[in-house]
Amino acid sequence: MAKPKQPLLKISDFENISYSITAVNSTTKTKVANTPSAELIELRENGCVMKISEKSCSVGHFLSISLMMIPQLKSVEFTAKVLSKEKADKHSSLVELEFYQIEQNQWYGFLKVYADKQAQVMNIIRSMKE
């Protein structure tokens, strides 16, 4: 007897990776304002680009950041130096961060979740082309 075919698309294929961000400006010893509106824009091997509140930091400042993926419950904490800052909109800036202190294995685990999701999307696209 033939196995039933697996559906091409599943609801889980469309679930976003959610995360929470908390941050403190270690240079000024102040909590980063509006952390709930903070976003990860780009992930890099030795840093990231984030969108955060406009008045949170300046170039050269150090930020202590905690990221928690939901529902995976993978977390990573790091201290990073602000390399550049540019205005994103009326209330926020894009900041380029370079890691100063980080547990590399935690960061690679964090990156793997995103890479796995990207591979899953690519597999769906390949399947649809066949």
Protein backbone atom coordinates (compact mmCIF):
# COMPACT_ATOMS: atom_id res chain seq x y z
CA MET A 1 0.00 0.00 0.00
CA ALA A 2 1.35 3.44 -0.92
CA LYS A 3 2.17 5.94 1.78
CA PRO A 4 -0.10 8.98 1.91
CA LYS A 5 1.56 12.06 0.48
CA GLN A 6 2.76 14.68 2.91
CA PRO A 7 1.19 18.10 2.34
CA LEU A 8 3.41 20.45 0.39
CA LEU A 9 2.75 23.32 2.78
CA LYS A 10 2.15 23.21 6.52
CA ILE A 11 1.00 25.97 8.85
CA SER A 12 4.33 25.75 10.67
CA ASP A 13 6.06 26.77 7.42
CA PHE A 14 4.60 30.25 7.86
CA GLU A 15 5.45 30.81 11.50
CA ASN A 16 7.82 33.69 12.11
CA ILE A 17 10.74 33.43 14.45
CA SER A 18 9.83 35.65 17.36
CA TYR A 19 12.21 37.07 19.92
CA SER A 20 12.35 39.48 22.80
CA ILE A 21 15.14 41.99 23.25
CA THR A 22 16.32 43.72 26.39
CA ALA A 23 19.22 46.13 26.28
CA VAL A 24 21.23 48.44 28.51
CA ASN A 25 23.67 51.09 27.37
CA SER A 26 26.72 50.02 29.40
CA THR A 27 28.51 53.28 28.63
CA THR A 28 25.83 55.53 30.12
CA LYS A 29 24.38 52.87 32.48
CA THR A 30 20.86 53.48 31.16
CA LYS A 31 18.20 51.07 29.92
CA VAL A 32 17.59 51.30 26.18
CA ALA A 33 14.23 53.03 25.72
CA ASN A 34 11.38 51.29 23.90
CA THR A 35 13.11 47.94 23.85
CA PRO A 36 9.86 46.20 22.75
CA SER A 37 10.10 48.10 19.45
CA ALA A 38 13.71 46.99 18.92
CA GLU A 39 14.27 44.75 15.90
CA LEU A 40 17.03 42.55 14.54
CA ILE A 41 17.65 43.72 10.99
CA GLU A 42 20.73 41.74 9.98
CA LEU A 43 22.61 38.88 11.61
CA ARG A 44 26.35 38.59 11.11
CA GLU A 45 29.00 36.20 12.33
CA ASN A 46 30.63 38.82 14.56
CA GLY A 47 27.78 41.23 15.16
CA CYS A 48 24.40 42.41 13.99
CA VAL A 49 22.39 45.41 12.86
CA MET A 50 19.50 46.44 15.06
CA LYS A 51 16.77 49.04 14.92
CA ILE A 52 16.48 50.69 18.33
CA SER A 53 15.21 53.90 19.91
CA GLU A 54 16.91 57.01 18.46
CA LYS A 55 18.29 58.28 21.77
CA SER A 56 19.55 54.92 23.06
CA CYS A 57 23.21 55.22 22.16
CA SER A 58 25.96 56.92 20.20
CA VAL A 59 28.79 55.60 18.06
CA GLY A 60 31.46 54.13 20.34
CA HIS A 61 29.04 53.21 23.13
CA PHE A 62 28.76 49.66 24.43
CA LEU A 63 25.38 47.93 24.66
CA SER A 64 24.60 44.87 26.79
CA ILE A 65 21.88 42.93 25.00
CA SER A 66 19.84 39.85 25.77
CA LEU A 67 17.95 38.09 22.96
CA MET A 68 15.39 35.35 23.67
CA MET A 69 13.86 33.34 20.82
CA ILE A 70 10.27 32.33 21.29
CA PRO A 71 9.11 29.49 21.32
CA GLN A 72 12.55 27.88 20.91
CA LEU A 73 13.70 29.45 24.20
CA LYS A 74 17.21 29.86 22.84
CA SER A 75 18.86 32.86 24.35
CA VAL A 76 22.07 34.74 23.86
CA GLU A 77 23.56 37.61 25.82
CA PHE A 78 26.34 39.83 24.57
CA THR A 79 28.07 43.15 24.87
CA ALA A 80 28.66 44.95 21.61
CA LYS A 81 30.23 48.19 20.47
CA VAL A 82 28.21 50.60 18.32
CA LEU A 83 30.22 51.00 15.10
CA SER A 84 27.75 53.16 13.20
CA LYS A 85 24.35 54.74 13.64
CA GLU A 86 21.92 56.14 11.09
CA LYS A 87 18.40 57.44 11.41
CA ALA A 88 15.78 54.88 10.39
CA ASP A 89 12.63 56.90 11.04
CA LYS A 90 11.29 59.60 13.34
CA HIS A 91 11.91 57.65 16.56
CA SER A 92 14.52 55.01 15.78
CA SER A 93 18.00 54.38 14.42
CA LEU A 94 19.79 51.51 12.74
CA VAL A 95 22.92 50.62 14.69
CA GLU A 96 25.71 48.40 13.49
CA LEU A 97 27.04 46.36 16.41
CA GLU A 98 30.30 44.45 16.71
CA PHE A 99 30.56 41.84 19.47
CA TYR A 100 32.85 42.70 22.33
CA GLN A 101 31.89 39.85 24.67
CA ILE A 102 29.80 36.85 23.62
CA GLU A 103 29.56 33.12 24.08
CA GLN A 104 30.15 32.09 20.45
CA ASN A 105 28.35 28.74 20.78
CA GLN A 106 25.18 30.51 21.91
CA TRP A 107 25.37 32.92 18.97
CA TYR A 108 25.95 30.09 16.49
CA GLY A 109 22.93 28.28 17.94
CA PHE A 110 20.90 31.45 17.44
CA LEU A 111 22.12 31.76 13.84
CA LYS A 112 21.34 28.07 13.19
CA VAL A 113 17.65 28.58 13.97
CA TYR A 114 17.50 31.29 11.28
CA ALA A 115 19.55 29.23 8.81
CA ASP A 116 17.28 26.21 9.34
CA LYS A 117 14.19 28.33 8.70
CA GLN A 118 15.77 29.70 5.51
CA ALA A 119 16.59 26.16 4.35
CA GLN A 120 13.00 25.13 5.03
CA VAL A 121 11.71 28.00 2.87
CA MET A 122 14.15 27.11 0.07
CA ASN A 123 12.97 23.47 0.17
CA ILE A 124 9.36 24.62 -0.19
CA ILE A 125 10.27 26.79 -3.17
CA ARG A 126 12.21 23.91 -4.80
CA SER A 127 9.26 21.55 -4.24
CA MET A 128 6.88 24.00 -5.86
CA LYS A 129 9.09 24.27 -8.94
CA GLU A 130 9.20 20.50 -9.46
